[in-house]
Full PDB file with SEQRES, HELIX, SHEET, SSBOND, CRYST1, ORIGX, SCALE, CONECT and MASTER records, all heavy atoms in Angstrom:
SEQRES   1 A   42  CYS ALA SER CYS VAL VAL VAL ARG ALA ASN ARG ILE GLY          
SEQRES   2 A   42  ALA TYR ARG GLN ILE ILE VAL GLU GLU ASN GLN LYS ASN          
SEQRES   3 A   42  GLU PHE LEU TRP LYS PHE TYR GLY ASP SER PHE VAL ALA          
SEQRES   4 A   42  LEU PRO ASN                                                  
SHEET    1 AA1 2 VAL A   6  ARG A   8  0                                        
SHEET    2 AA1 2 PHE A  37  ALA A  39 -1                                        
SHEET    1 AA2 2 ILE A  12  GLU A  21  0                                        
SHEET    2 AA2 2 GLN A  24  TYR A  33 -1                                        
CRYST1    1.000    1.000    1.000  90.00  90.00  90.00 P 1           1          
ORIGX1      1.000000  0.000000  0.000000        0.00000                         
ORIGX2      0.000000  1.000000  0.000000        0.00000                         
ORIGX3      0.000000  0.000000  1.000000        0.00000                         
SCALE1      1.000000  0.000000  0.000000        0.00000                         
SCALE2      0.000000  1.000000  0.000000        0.00000                         
SCALE3      0.000000  0.000000  1.000000        0.00000                         
ATOM      1  N   CYS A   1     143.013 117.053 117.833  1.00  0.00           N  
ATOM      2  CA  CYS A   1     142.773 117.967 116.662  1.00  0.00           C  
ATOM      3  C   CYS A   1     143.672 117.554 115.426  1.00  0.00           C  
ATOM      4  O   CYS A   1     143.281 117.777 114.302  1.00  0.00           O  
ATOM      5  CB  CYS A   1     143.202 119.389 117.038  1.00  0.00           C  
ATOM      6  SG  CYS A   1     141.989 120.094 118.200  1.00  0.00           S  
ATOM      7  N   ALA A   2     144.756 116.888 115.645  1.00  0.00           N  
ATOM      8  CA  ALA A   2     145.572 116.301 114.602  1.00  0.00           C  
ATOM      9  C   ALA A   2     145.222 114.836 114.267  1.00  0.00           C  
ATOM     10  O   ALA A   2     145.826 114.265 113.370  1.00  0.00           O  
ATOM     11  CB  ALA A   2     147.020 116.410 114.959  1.00  0.00           C  
ATOM     12  N   SER A   3     144.290 114.217 114.891  1.00  0.00           N  
ATOM     13  CA  SER A   3     143.938 112.808 114.720  1.00  0.00           C  
ATOM     14  C   SER A   3     145.203 111.907 114.611  1.00  0.00           C  
ATOM     15  O   SER A   3     145.335 111.065 113.834  1.00  0.00           O  
ATOM     16  CB  SER A   3     143.072 112.627 113.460  1.00  0.00           C  
ATOM     17  OG  SER A   3     141.844 113.307 113.465  1.00  0.00           O  
ATOM     18  N   CYS A   4     146.023 111.989 115.692  1.00  0.00           N  
ATOM     19  CA  CYS A   4     147.200 111.270 115.738  1.00  0.00           C  
ATOM     20  C   CYS A   4     147.431 110.792 117.225  1.00  0.00           C  
ATOM     21  O   CYS A   4     146.685 111.189 118.171  1.00  0.00           O  
ATOM     22  CB  CYS A   4     148.341 112.065 115.272  1.00  0.00           C  
ATOM     23  SG  CYS A   4     148.901 113.432 116.353  1.00  0.00           S  
ATOM     24  N   VAL A   5     148.380 109.951 117.419  1.00  0.00           N  
ATOM     25  CA  VAL A   5     148.704 109.513 118.749  1.00  0.00           C  
ATOM     26  C   VAL A   5     149.985 110.319 119.153  1.00  0.00           C  
ATOM     27  O   VAL A   5     151.000 110.434 118.391  1.00  0.00           O  
ATOM     28  CB  VAL A   5     149.126 108.000 118.767  1.00  0.00           C  
ATOM     29  CG1 VAL A   5     149.578 107.574 120.095  1.00  0.00           C  
ATOM     30  CG2 VAL A   5     147.895 107.168 118.391  1.00  0.00           C  
ATOM     31  N   VAL A   6     150.048 110.882 120.316  1.00  0.00           N  
ATOM     32  CA  VAL A   6     151.246 111.521 120.875  1.00  0.00           C  
ATOM     33  C   VAL A   6     151.765 110.732 121.963  1.00  0.00           C  
ATOM     34  O   VAL A   6     151.159 110.481 122.997  1.00  0.00           O  
ATOM     35  CB  VAL A   6     150.873 112.904 121.459  1.00  0.00           C  
ATOM     36  CG1 VAL A   6     152.052 113.608 122.115  1.00  0.00           C  
ATOM     37  CG2 VAL A   6     150.269 113.794 120.382  1.00  0.00           C  
ATOM     38  N   VAL A   7     152.973 110.266 121.808  1.00  0.00           N  
ATOM     39  CA  VAL A   7     153.785 109.461 122.753  1.00  0.00           C  
ATOM     40  C   VAL A   7     154.747 110.411 123.423  1.00  0.00           C  
ATOM     41  O   VAL A   7     155.769 110.739 122.736  1.00  0.00           O  
ATOM     42  CB  VAL A   7     154.434 108.182 122.104  1.00  0.00           C  
ATOM     43  CG1 VAL A   7     155.109 107.384 123.196  1.00  0.00           C  
ATOM     44  CG2 VAL A   7     153.404 107.413 121.424  1.00  0.00           C  
ATOM     45  N   ARG A   8     154.502 110.698 124.575  1.00  0.00           N  
ATOM     46  CA  ARG A   8     155.369 111.725 125.323  1.00  0.00           C  
ATOM     47  C   ARG A   8     156.358 111.043 126.254  1.00  0.00           C  
ATOM     48  O   ARG A   8     155.889 110.281 127.138  1.00  0.00           O  
ATOM     49  CB  ARG A   8     154.516 112.815 126.190  1.00  0.00           C  
ATOM     50  CG  ARG A   8     155.399 113.723 126.778  1.00  0.00           C  
ATOM     51  CD  ARG A   8     154.665 114.142 128.006  1.00  0.00           C  
ATOM     52  NE  ARG A   8     155.356 115.335 128.668  1.00  0.00           N  
ATOM     53  CZ  ARG A   8     155.001 115.804 129.906  1.00  0.00           C  
ATOM     54  NH1 ARG A   8     154.159 115.116 130.700  1.00  0.00           N  
ATOM     55  NH2 ARG A   8     155.635 116.863 130.338  1.00  0.00           N  
ATOM     56  N   ALA A   9     157.647 111.228 126.133  1.00  0.00           N  
ATOM     57  CA  ALA A   9     158.643 110.801 127.070  1.00  0.00           C  
ATOM     58  C   ALA A   9     159.253 111.967 127.825  1.00  0.00           C  
ATOM     59  O   ALA A   9     159.888 112.850 127.153  1.00  0.00           O  
ATOM     60  CB  ALA A   9     159.786 110.128 126.284  1.00  0.00           C  
ATOM     61  N   ASN A  10     159.016 112.118 129.086  1.00  0.00           N  
ATOM     62  CA  ASN A  10     159.445 113.169 129.999  1.00  0.00           C  
ATOM     63  C   ASN A  10     160.414 112.733 130.967  1.00  0.00           C  
ATOM     64  O   ASN A  10     160.331 111.686 131.522  1.00  0.00           O  
ATOM     65  CB  ASN A  10     158.253 113.811 130.640  1.00  0.00           C  
ATOM     66  CG  ASN A  10     158.639 115.222 131.183  1.00  0.00           C  
ATOM     67  OD1 ASN A  10     159.188 116.069 130.597  1.00  0.00           O  
ATOM     68  ND2 ASN A  10     158.158 115.419 132.476  1.00  0.00           N  
ATOM     69  N   ARG A  11     161.390 113.566 131.246  1.00  0.00           N  
ATOM     70  CA  ARG A  11     162.567 113.206 132.144  1.00  0.00           C  
ATOM     71  C   ARG A  11     161.966 113.168 133.606  1.00  0.00           C  
ATOM     72  O   ARG A  11     161.101 113.788 133.966  1.00  0.00           O  
ATOM     73  CB  ARG A  11     163.615 114.264 132.026  1.00  0.00           C  
ATOM     74  CG  ARG A  11     164.995 113.650 132.150  1.00  0.00           C  
ATOM     75  CD  ARG A  11     166.054 114.711 132.397  1.00  0.00           C  
ATOM     76  NE  ARG A  11     166.514 114.655 133.805  1.00  0.00           N  
ATOM     77  CZ  ARG A  11     167.620 115.204 134.304  1.00  0.00           C  
ATOM     78  NH1 ARG A  11     168.456 115.939 133.504  1.00  0.00           N  
ATOM     79  NH2 ARG A  11     167.916 115.189 135.566  1.00  0.00           N  
ATOM     80  N   ILE A  12     162.761 112.429 134.357  1.00  0.00           N  
ATOM     81  CA  ILE A  12     162.633 112.412 135.737  1.00  0.00           C  
ATOM     82  C   ILE A  12     163.991 112.894 136.441  1.00  0.00           C  
ATOM     83  O   ILE A  12     164.966 113.258 135.827  1.00  0.00           O  
ATOM     84  CB  ILE A  12     162.247 111.034 136.442  1.00  0.00           C  
ATOM     85  CG1 ILE A  12     163.237 109.985 135.947  1.00  0.00           C  
ATOM     86  CG2 ILE A  12     160.791 110.720 136.006  1.00  0.00           C  
ATOM     87  CD1 ILE A  12     163.031 108.579 136.612  1.00  0.00           C  
ATOM     88  N   GLY A  13     163.899 113.035 137.736  1.00  0.00           N  
ATOM     89  CA  GLY A  13     165.186 113.493 138.444  1.00  0.00           C  
ATOM     90  C   GLY A  13     165.134 114.919 138.782  1.00  0.00           C  
ATOM     91  O   GLY A  13     164.168 115.512 138.885  1.00  0.00           O  
ATOM     92  N   ALA A  14     166.278 115.513 139.177  1.00  0.00           N  
ATOM     93  CA  ALA A  14     166.317 116.962 139.496  1.00  0.00           C  
ATOM     94  C   ALA A  14     167.785 117.508 139.206  1.00  0.00           C  
ATOM     95  O   ALA A  14     168.709 116.796 138.977  1.00  0.00           O  
ATOM     96  CB  ALA A  14     166.159 116.966 141.077  1.00  0.00           C  
ATOM     97  N   TYR A  15     167.780 118.736 139.129  1.00  0.00           N  
ATOM     98  CA  TYR A  15     169.030 119.511 138.928  1.00  0.00           C  
ATOM     99  C   TYR A  15     169.120 120.667 139.917  1.00  0.00           C  
ATOM    100  O   TYR A  15     168.161 121.440 140.054  1.00  0.00           O  
ATOM    101  CB  TYR A  15     169.160 120.094 137.492  1.00  0.00           C  
ATOM    102  CG  TYR A  15     170.240 120.918 137.255  1.00  0.00           C  
ATOM    103  CD1 TYR A  15     171.620 120.480 137.197  1.00  0.00           C  
ATOM    104  CD2 TYR A  15     170.221 122.372 137.148  1.00  0.00           C  
ATOM    105  CE1 TYR A  15     172.651 121.321 137.025  1.00  0.00           C  
ATOM    106  CE2 TYR A  15     171.207 123.244 136.934  1.00  0.00           C  
ATOM    107  CZ  TYR A  15     172.516 122.615 136.877  1.00  0.00           C  
ATOM    108  OH  TYR A  15     173.623 123.406 136.698  1.00  0.00           O  
ATOM    109  N   ARG A  16     170.184 120.803 140.606  1.00  0.00           N  
ATOM    110  CA  ARG A  16     170.384 121.883 141.626  1.00  0.00           C  
ATOM    111  C   ARG A  16     171.216 122.992 140.984  1.00  0.00           C  
ATOM    112  O   ARG A  16     172.451 122.799 140.708  1.00  0.00           O  
ATOM    113  CB  ARG A  16     171.059 121.267 142.887  1.00  0.00           C  
ATOM    114  CG  ARG A  16     171.140 122.344 144.059  1.00  0.00           C  
ATOM    115  CD  ARG A  16     171.620 121.634 145.341  1.00  0.00           C  
ATOM    116  NE  ARG A  16     170.935 120.483 145.651  1.00  0.00           N  
ATOM    117  CZ  ARG A  16     169.716 120.471 146.417  1.00  0.00           C  
ATOM    118  NH1 ARG A  16     169.298 121.519 146.789  1.00  0.00           N  
ATOM    119  NH2 ARG A  16     169.111 119.344 146.768  1.00  0.00           N  
ATOM    120  N   GLN A  17     170.592 124.112 140.763  1.00  0.00           N  
ATOM    121  CA  GLN A  17     171.198 125.326 140.173  1.00  0.00           C  
ATOM    122  C   GLN A  17     171.695 126.334 141.236  1.00  0.00           C  
ATOM    123  O   GLN A  17     170.877 126.556 142.152  1.00  0.00           O  
ATOM    124  CB  GLN A  17     170.283 125.990 139.253  1.00  0.00           C  
ATOM    125  CG  GLN A  17     170.876 127.145 138.429  1.00  0.00           C  
ATOM    126  CD  GLN A  17     169.764 127.915 137.622  1.00  0.00           C  
ATOM    127  OE1 GLN A  17     168.635 127.561 137.668  1.00  0.00           O  
ATOM    128  NE2 GLN A  17     170.268 128.768 136.783  1.00  0.00           N  
ATOM    129  N   ILE A  18     172.926 126.711 141.135  1.00  0.00           N  
ATOM    130  CA  ILE A  18     173.470 127.706 142.021  1.00  0.00           C  
ATOM    131  C   ILE A  18     173.364 129.085 141.377  1.00  0.00           C  
ATOM    132  O   ILE A  18     173.950 129.215 140.254  1.00  0.00           O  
ATOM    133  CB  ILE A  18     174.975 127.445 142.415  1.00  0.00           C  
ATOM    134  CG1 ILE A  18     175.062 125.968 142.922  1.00  0.00           C  
ATOM    135  CG2 ILE A  18     175.386 128.463 143.476  1.00  0.00           C  
ATOM    136  CD1 ILE A  18     174.281 125.796 144.265  1.00  0.00           C  
ATOM    137  N   ILE A  19     172.769 129.963 142.011  1.00  0.00           N  
ATOM    138  CA  ILE A  19     172.536 131.352 141.440  1.00  0.00           C  
ATOM    139  C   ILE A  19     173.274 132.410 142.373  1.00  0.00           C  
ATOM    140  O   ILE A  19     172.922 132.428 143.544  1.00  0.00           O  
ATOM    141  CB  ILE A  19     171.017 131.734 141.287  1.00  0.00           C  
ATOM    142  CG1 ILE A  19     170.390 130.674 140.345  1.00  0.00           C  
ATOM    143  CG2 ILE A  19     170.953 133.135 140.713  1.00  0.00           C  
ATOM    144  CD1 ILE A  19     168.860 130.862 140.271  1.00  0.00           C  
ATOM    145  N   VAL A  20     174.176 133.204 141.858  1.00  0.00           N  
ATOM    146  CA  VAL A  20     174.872 134.202 142.665  1.00  0.00           C  
ATOM    147  C   VAL A  20     174.427 135.555 142.188  1.00  0.00           C  
ATOM    148  O   VAL A  20     174.669 135.896 141.013  1.00  0.00           O  
ATOM    149  CB  VAL A  20     176.376 134.063 142.473  1.00  0.00           C  
ATOM    150  CG1 VAL A  20     177.078 135.107 143.310  1.00  0.00           C  
ATOM    151  CG2 VAL A  20     176.935 132.696 142.938  1.00  0.00           C  
ATOM    152  N   GLU A  21     173.749 136.366 143.047  1.00  0.00           N  
ATOM    153  CA  GLU A  21     173.315 137.619 142.804  1.00  0.00           C  
ATOM    154  C   GLU A  21     173.770 138.683 143.872  1.00  0.00           C  
ATOM    155  O   GLU A  21     173.369 138.378 145.126  1.00  0.00           O  
ATOM    156  CB  GLU A  21     171.795 137.711 142.600  1.00  0.00           C  
ATOM    157  CG  GLU A  21     171.388 136.920 141.333  1.00  0.00           C  
ATOM    158  CD  GLU A  21     169.688 136.930 141.203  1.00  0.00           C  
ATOM    159  OE1 GLU A  21     169.200 137.155 142.245  1.00  0.00           O  
ATOM    160  OE2 GLU A  21     169.380 136.884 140.065  1.00  0.00           O  
ATOM    161  N   GLU A  22     174.492 139.736 143.655  1.00  0.00           N  
ATOM    162  CA  GLU A  22     174.788 140.733 144.540  1.00  0.00           C  
ATOM    163  C   GLU A  22     175.491 140.036 145.732  1.00  0.00           C  
ATOM    164  O   GLU A  22     175.286 140.286 146.908  1.00  0.00           O  
ATOM    165  CB  GLU A  22     173.655 141.508 145.032  1.00  0.00           C  
ATOM    166  CG  GLU A  22     172.923 142.269 143.935  1.00  0.00           C  
ATOM    167  CD  GLU A  22     171.746 143.102 144.434  1.00  0.00           C  
ATOM    168  OE1 GLU A  22     171.380 142.894 145.627  1.00  0.00           O  
ATOM    169  OE2 GLU A  22     171.144 143.801 143.654  1.00  0.00           O  
ATOM    170  N   ASN A  23     176.581 139.210 145.487  1.00  0.00           N  
ATOM    171  CA  ASN A  23     177.328 138.471 146.327  1.00  0.00           C  
ATOM    172  C   ASN A  23     176.664 137.515 147.262  1.00  0.00           C  
ATOM    173  O   ASN A  23     177.107 137.161 148.324  1.00  0.00           O  
ATOM    174  CB  ASN A  23     178.139 139.471 147.232  1.00  0.00           C  
ATOM    175  CG  ASN A  23     179.053 140.362 146.375  1.00  0.00           C  
ATOM    176  OD1 ASN A  23     179.689 139.794 145.409  1.00  0.00           O  
ATOM    177  ND2 ASN A  23     179.189 141.628 146.719  1.00  0.00           N  
ATOM    178  N   GLN A  24     175.425 137.099 146.882  1.00  0.00           N  
ATOM    179  CA  GLN A  24     174.639 136.244 147.673  1.00  0.00           C  
ATOM    180  C   GLN A  24     174.384 134.963 146.817  1.00  0.00           C  
ATOM    181  O   GLN A  24     173.948 135.202 145.689  1.00  0.00           O  
ATOM    182  CB  GLN A  24     173.287 136.873 148.080  1.00  0.00           C  
ATOM    183  CG  GLN A  24     172.458 135.921 148.991  1.00  0.00           C  
ATOM    184  CD  GLN A  24     171.326 136.609 149.445  1.00  0.00           C  
ATOM    185  OE1 GLN A  24     170.996 137.814 149.249  1.00  0.00           O  
ATOM    186  NE2 GLN A  24     170.403 135.946 150.234  1.00  0.00           N  
ATOM    187  N   LYS A  25     174.643 133.850 147.476  1.00  0.00           N  
ATOM    188  CA  LYS A  25     174.403 132.524 146.680  1.00  0.00           C  
ATOM    189  C   LYS A  25     173.200 131.928 147.074  1.00  0.00           C  
ATOM    190  O   LYS A  25     172.832 131.738 148.276  1.00  0.00           O  
ATOM    191  CB  LYS A  25     175.634 131.662 147.077  1.00  0.00           C  
ATOM    192  CG  LYS A  25     175.525 130.337 146.352  1.00  0.00           C  
ATOM    193  CD  LYS A  25     176.588 129.230 146.817  1.00  0.00           C  
ATOM    194  CE  LYS A  25     177.964 129.642 146.472  1.00  0.00           C  
ATOM    195  NZ  LYS A  25     178.918 128.625 146.842  1.00  0.00           N  
ATOM    196  N   ASN A  26     172.385 131.538 146.030  1.00  0.00           N  
ATOM    197  CA  ASN A  26     171.132 130.866 146.239  1.00  0.00           C  
ATOM    198  C   ASN A  26     171.021 129.578 145.488  1.00  0.00           C  
ATOM    199  O   ASN A  26     171.691 129.445 144.415  1.00  0.00           O  
ATOM    200  CB  ASN A  26     169.982 131.809 145.899  1.00  0.00           C  
ATOM    201  CG  ASN A  26     169.884 133.101 146.755  1.00  0.00           C  
ATOM    202  OD1 ASN A  26     169.774 132.965 147.906  1.00  0.00           O  
ATOM    203  ND2 ASN A  26     169.929 134.228 146.085  1.00  0.00           N  
ATOM    204  N   GLU A  27     170.326 128.592 146.050  1.00  0.00           N  
ATOM    205  CA  GLU A  27     170.109 127.436 145.276  1.00  0.00           C  
ATOM    206  C   GLU A  27     168.681 127.291 144.847  1.00  0.00           C  
ATOM    207  O   GLU A  27     167.800 127.658 145.532  1.00  0.00           O  
ATOM    208  CB  GLU A  27     170.429 126.173 146.213  1.00  0.00           C  
ATOM    209  CG  GLU A  27     171.957 126.029 146.626  1.00  0.00           C  
ATOM    210  CD  GLU A  27     172.171 124.697 147.263  1.00  0.00           C  
ATOM    211  OE1 GLU A  27     171.207 123.936 147.575  1.00  0.00           O  
ATOM    212  OE2 GLU A  27     173.354 124.419 147.544  1.00  0.00           O  
ATOM    213  N   PHE A  28     168.623 126.725 143.583  1.00  0.00           N  
ATOM    214  CA  PHE A  28     167.248 126.500 142.961  1.00  0.00           C  
ATOM    215  C   PHE A  28     167.181 125.120 142.457  1.00  0.00           C  
ATOM    216  O   PHE A  28     168.061 124.729 141.705  1.00  0.00           O  
ATOM    217  CB  PHE A  28     167.112 127.533 141.867  1.00  0.00           C  
ATOM    218  CG  PHE A  28     165.773 127.623 141.335  1.00  0.00           C  
ATOM    219  CD1 PHE A  28     164.683 128.159 141.889  1.00  0.00           C  
ATOM    220  CD2 PHE A  28     165.459 126.916 140.088  1.00  0.00           C  
ATOM    221  CE1 PHE A  28     163.364 128.238 141.379  1.00  0.00           C  
ATOM    222  CE2 PHE A  28     164.147 126.814 139.508  1.00  0.00           C  
ATOM    223  CZ  PHE A  28     163.138 127.531 140.165  1.00  0.00           C  
ATOM    224  N   LEU A  29     166.149 124.512 142.889  1.00  0.00           N  
ATOM    225  CA  LEU A  29     166.046 123.022 142.475  1.00  0.00           C  
ATOM    226  C   LEU A  29     164.988 122.866 141.466  1.00  0.00           C  
ATOM    227  O   LEU A  29     163.841 123.330 141.578  1.00  0.00           O  
ATOM    228  CB  LEU A  29     165.558 122.209 143.751  1.00  0.00           C  
ATOM    229  CG  LEU A  29     165.593 120.718 143.586  1.00  0.00           C  
ATOM    230  CD1 LEU A  29     167.031 120.232 143.350  1.00  0.00           C  
ATOM    231  CD2 LEU A  29     165.005 120.035 144.784  1.00  0.00           C  
ATOM    232  N   TRP A  30     165.414 122.316 140.319  1.00  0.00           N  
ATOM    233  CA  TRP A  30     164.612 121.976 139.189  1.00  0.00           C  
ATOM    234  C   TRP A  30     164.177 120.480 139.330  1.00  0.00           C  
ATOM    235  O   TRP A  30     165.037 119.631 139.367  1.00  0.00           O  
ATOM    236  CB  TRP A  30     165.318 122.080 137.838  1.00  0.00           C  
ATOM    237  CG  TRP A  30     165.855 123.517 137.542  1.00  0.00           C  
ATOM    238  CD1 TRP A  30     166.855 124.215 138.208  1.00  0.00           C  
ATOM    239  CD2 TRP A  30     165.455 124.337 136.441  1.00  0.00           C  
ATOM    240  NE1 TRP A  30     167.032 125.370 137.549  1.00  0.00           N  
ATOM    241  CE2 TRP A  30     166.148 125.517 136.609  1.00  0.00           C  
ATOM    242  CE3 TRP A  30     164.461 124.104 135.528  1.00  0.00           C  
ATOM    243  CZ2 TRP A  30     165.981 126.521 135.730  1.00  0.00           C  
ATOM    244  CZ3 TRP A  30     164.276 125.239 134.556  1.00  0.00           C  
ATOM    245  CH2 TRP A  30     165.104 126.391 134.653  1.00  0.00           C  
ATOM    246  N   LYS A  31     162.923 120.258 139.515  1.00  0.00           N  
ATOM    247  CA  LYS A  31     162.378 118.884 139.630  1.00  0.00           C  
ATOM    248  C   LYS A  31     161.615 118.442 138.377  1.00  0.00           C  
ATOM    249  O   LYS A  31     160.800 119.094 137.923  1.00  0.00           O  
ATOM    250  CB  LYS A  31     161.473 118.846 140.892  1.00  0.00           C  
ATOM    251  CG  LYS A  31     162.079 118.987 142.240  1.00  0.00           C  
ATOM    252  CD  LYS A  31     161.077 118.898 143.294  1.00  0.00           C  
ATOM    253  CE  LYS A  31     161.838 119.129 144.709  1.00  0.00           C  
ATOM    254  NZ  LYS A  31     160.785 118.907 145.789  1.00  0.00           N  
ATOM    255  N   PHE A  32     162.074 117.282 137.841  1.00  0.00           N  
ATOM    256  CA  PHE A  32     161.515 116.804 136.606  1.00  0.00           C  
ATOM    257  C   PHE A  32     160.597 115.628 136.979  1.00  0.00           C  
ATOM    258  O   PHE A  32     161.046 114.637 137.596  1.00  0.00           O  
ATOM    259  CB  PHE A  32     162.504 116.380 135.595  1.00  0.00           C  
ATOM    260  CG  PHE A  32     163.624 117.420 135.377  1.00  0.00           C  
ATOM    261  CD1 PHE A  32     164.904 117.296 135.868  1.00  0.00           C  
ATOM    262  CD2 PHE A  32     163.228 118.570 134.775  1.00  0.00           C  
ATOM    263  CE1 PHE A  32     165.747 118.246 135.730  1.00  0.00           C  
ATOM    264  CE2 PHE A  32     164.159 119.619 134.511  1.00  0.00           C  
ATOM    265  CZ  PHE A  32     165.563 119.401 135.013  1.00  0.00           C  
ATOM    266  N   TYR A  33     159.310 115.762 136.754  1.00  0.00           N  
ATOM    267  CA  TYR A  33     158.268 114.891 137.337  1.00  0.00           C  
ATOM    268  C   TYR A  33     157.924 113.640 136.517  1.00  0.00           C  
ATOM    269  O   TYR A  33     157.101 112.887 136.919  1.00  0.00           O  
ATOM    270  CB  TYR A  33     157.026 115.661 137.706  1.00  0.00           C  
ATOM    271  CG  TYR A  33     156.471 116.439 136.513  1.00  0.00           C  
ATOM    272  CD1 TYR A  33     155.738 115.875 135.480  1.00  0.00           C  
ATOM    273  CD2 TYR A  33     156.667 117.839 136.459  1.00  0.00           C  
ATOM    274  CE1 TYR A  33     155.238 116.505 134.391  1.00  0.00           C  
ATOM    275  CE2 TYR A  33     156.134 118.515 135.318  1.00  0.00           C  
ATOM    276  CZ  TYR A  33     155.425 117.872 134.334  1.00  0.00           C  
ATOM    277  OH  TYR A  33     154.846 118.571 133.281  1.00  0.00           O  
ATOM    278  N   GLY A  34     158.420 113.489 135.339  1.00  0.00           N  
ATOM    279  CA  GLY A  34     158.010 112.300 134.511  1.00  0.00           C  
ATOM    280  C   GLY A  34     156.675 112.543 133.895  1.00  0.00           C  
ATOM    281  O   GLY A  34     156.315 113.385 133.158  1.00  0.00           O  
ATOM    282  N   ASP A  35     155.713 111.597 134.279  1.00  0.00           N  
ATOM    283  CA  ASP A  35     154.417 111.566 133.585  1.00  0.00           C  
ATOM    284  C   ASP A  35     154.440 111.392 132.151  1.00  0.00           C  
ATOM    285  O   ASP A  35     153.611 111.939 131.398  1.00  0.00           O  
ATOM    286  CB  ASP A  35     153.662 112.859 134.000  1.00  0.00           C  
ATOM    287  CG  ASP A  35     152.134 112.723 133.716  1.00  0.00           C  
ATOM    288  OD1 ASP A  35     151.618 111.543 133.893  1.00  0.00           O  
ATOM    289  OD2 ASP A  35     151.483 113.620 133.418  1.00  0.00           O  
ATOM    290  N   SER A  36     155.449 110.511 131.678  1.00  0.00           N  
ATOM    291  CA  SER A  36     155.384 109.936 130.274  1.00  0.00           C  
ATOM    292  C   SER A  36     153.991 109.354 130.095  1.00  0.00           C  
ATOM    293  O   SER A  36     153.587 108.582 130.842  1.00  0.00           O  
ATOM    294  CB  SER A  36     156.553 109.154 130.038  1.00  0.00           C  
ATOM    295  OG  SER A  36     157.748 109.783 130.269  1.00  0.00           O  
ATOM    296  N   PHE A  37     153.434 109.599 128.883  1.00  0.00           N  
ATOM    297  CA  PHE A  37     152.088 109.116 128.572  1.00  0.00           C  
ATOM    298  C   PHE A  37     151.861 108.974 127.148  1.00  0.00           C  
ATOM    299  O   PHE A  37     152.646 109.321 126.364  1.00  0.00           O  
ATOM    300  CB  PHE A  37     151.018 110.040 129.273  1.00  0.00           C  
ATOM    301  CG  PHE A  37     151.028 111.417 128.836  1.00  0.00           C  
ATOM    302  CD1 PHE A  37     150.740 111.724 127.602  1.00  0.00           C  
ATOM    303  CD2 PHE A  37     151.237 112.392 129.732  1.00  0.00           C  
ATOM    304  CE1 PHE A  37     150.657 113.113 127.149  1.00  0.00           C  
ATOM    305  CE2 PHE A  37     151.311 113.744 129.384  1.00  0.00           C  
ATOM    306  CZ  PHE A  37     151.003 114.084 128.016  1.00  0.00           C  
ATOM    307  N   VAL A  38     150.684 108.251 126.893  1.00  0.00           N  
ATOM    308  CA  VAL A  38     150.233 108.226 125.418  1.00  0.00           C  
ATOM    309  C   VAL A  38     148.892 108.916 125.346  1.00  0.00           C  
ATOM    310  O   VAL A  38     147.941 108.500 126.141  1.00  0.00           O  
ATOM    311  CB  VAL A  38     150.080 106.668 125.106  1.00  0.00           C  
ATOM    312  CG1 VAL A  38     149.506 106.617 123.709  1.00  0.00           C  
ATOM    313  CG2 VAL A  38     151.346 105.901 125.176  1.00  0.00           C  
ATOM    314  N   ALA A  39     148.792 109.904 124.456  1.00  0.00           N  
ATOM    315  CA  ALA A  39     147.646 110.587 124.234  1.00  0.00           C  
ATOM    316  C   ALA A  39     146.971 110.168 122.923  1.00  0.00           C  
ATOM    317  O   ALA A  39     147.732 110.039 121.897  1.00  0.00           O  
ATOM    318  CB  ALA A  39     147.705 112.136 124.138  1.00  0.00           C  
ATOM    319  N   LEU A  40     145.666 109.644 122.987  1.00  0.00           N  
ATOM    320  CA  LEU A  40     145.077 109.109 121.774  1.00  0.00           C  
ATOM    321  C   LEU A  40     144.242 110.170 120.929  1.00  0.00           C  
ATOM    322  O   LEU A  40     143.956 111.232 121.408  1.00  0.00           O  
ATOM    323  CB  LEU A  40     144.126 108.040 122.281  1.00  0.00           C  
ATOM    324  CG  LEU A  40     144.703 106.822 123.063  1.00  0.00           C  
ATOM    325  CD1 LEU A  40     143.670 105.901 123.523  1.00  0.00           C  
ATOM    326  CD2 LEU A  40     145.737 106.150 122.240  1.00  0.00           C  
ATOM    327  N   PRO A  41     143.955 109.788 119.666  1.00  0.00           N  
ATOM    328  CA  PRO A  41     143.217 110.685 118.857  1.00  0.00           C  
ATOM    329  C   PRO A  41     141.858 111.017 119.289  1.00  0.00           C  
ATOM    330  O   PRO A  41     141.108 111.925 118.766  1.00  0.00           O  
ATOM    331  CB  PRO A  41     143.165 109.997 117.529  1.00  0.00           C  
ATOM    332  CG  PRO A  41     144.341 109.036 117.558  1.00  0.00           C  
ATOM    333  CD  PRO A  41     144.441 108.566 118.971  1.00  0.00           C  
ATOM    334  N   ASN A  42     141.325 110.363 120.236  1.00  0.00           N  
ATOM    335  CA  ASN A  42     139.953 110.559 120.822  1.00  0.00           C  
ATOM    336  C   ASN A  42     140.109 111.558 122.008  1.00  0.00           C  
ATOM    337  O   ASN A  42     139.118 111.846 122.698  1.00  0.00           O  
ATOM    338  CB  ASN A  42     139.133 109.364 121.298  1.00  0.00           C  
ATOM    339  CG  ASN A  42     139.931 108.680 122.407  1.00  0.00           C  
ATOM    340  OD1 ASN A  42     140.999 109.138 122.943  1.00  0.00           O  
ATOM    341  ND2 ASN A  42     139.340 107.537 122.783  1.00  0.00           N  
TER     342      ASN A  42                                                      
MASTER        0    0    0    0    4    0    0    6  341    1    0    4          
END                                                                             
């Protein structure tokens, strides 16, 4: 729609978040999947 090229750089890897709620500790894993790409005007 913008007749441009979009060059996307996305992160990879993971981050382990510790969440404490009502004296209970939980782990939450954020996974970054990459898929960096080039989107064309077509």
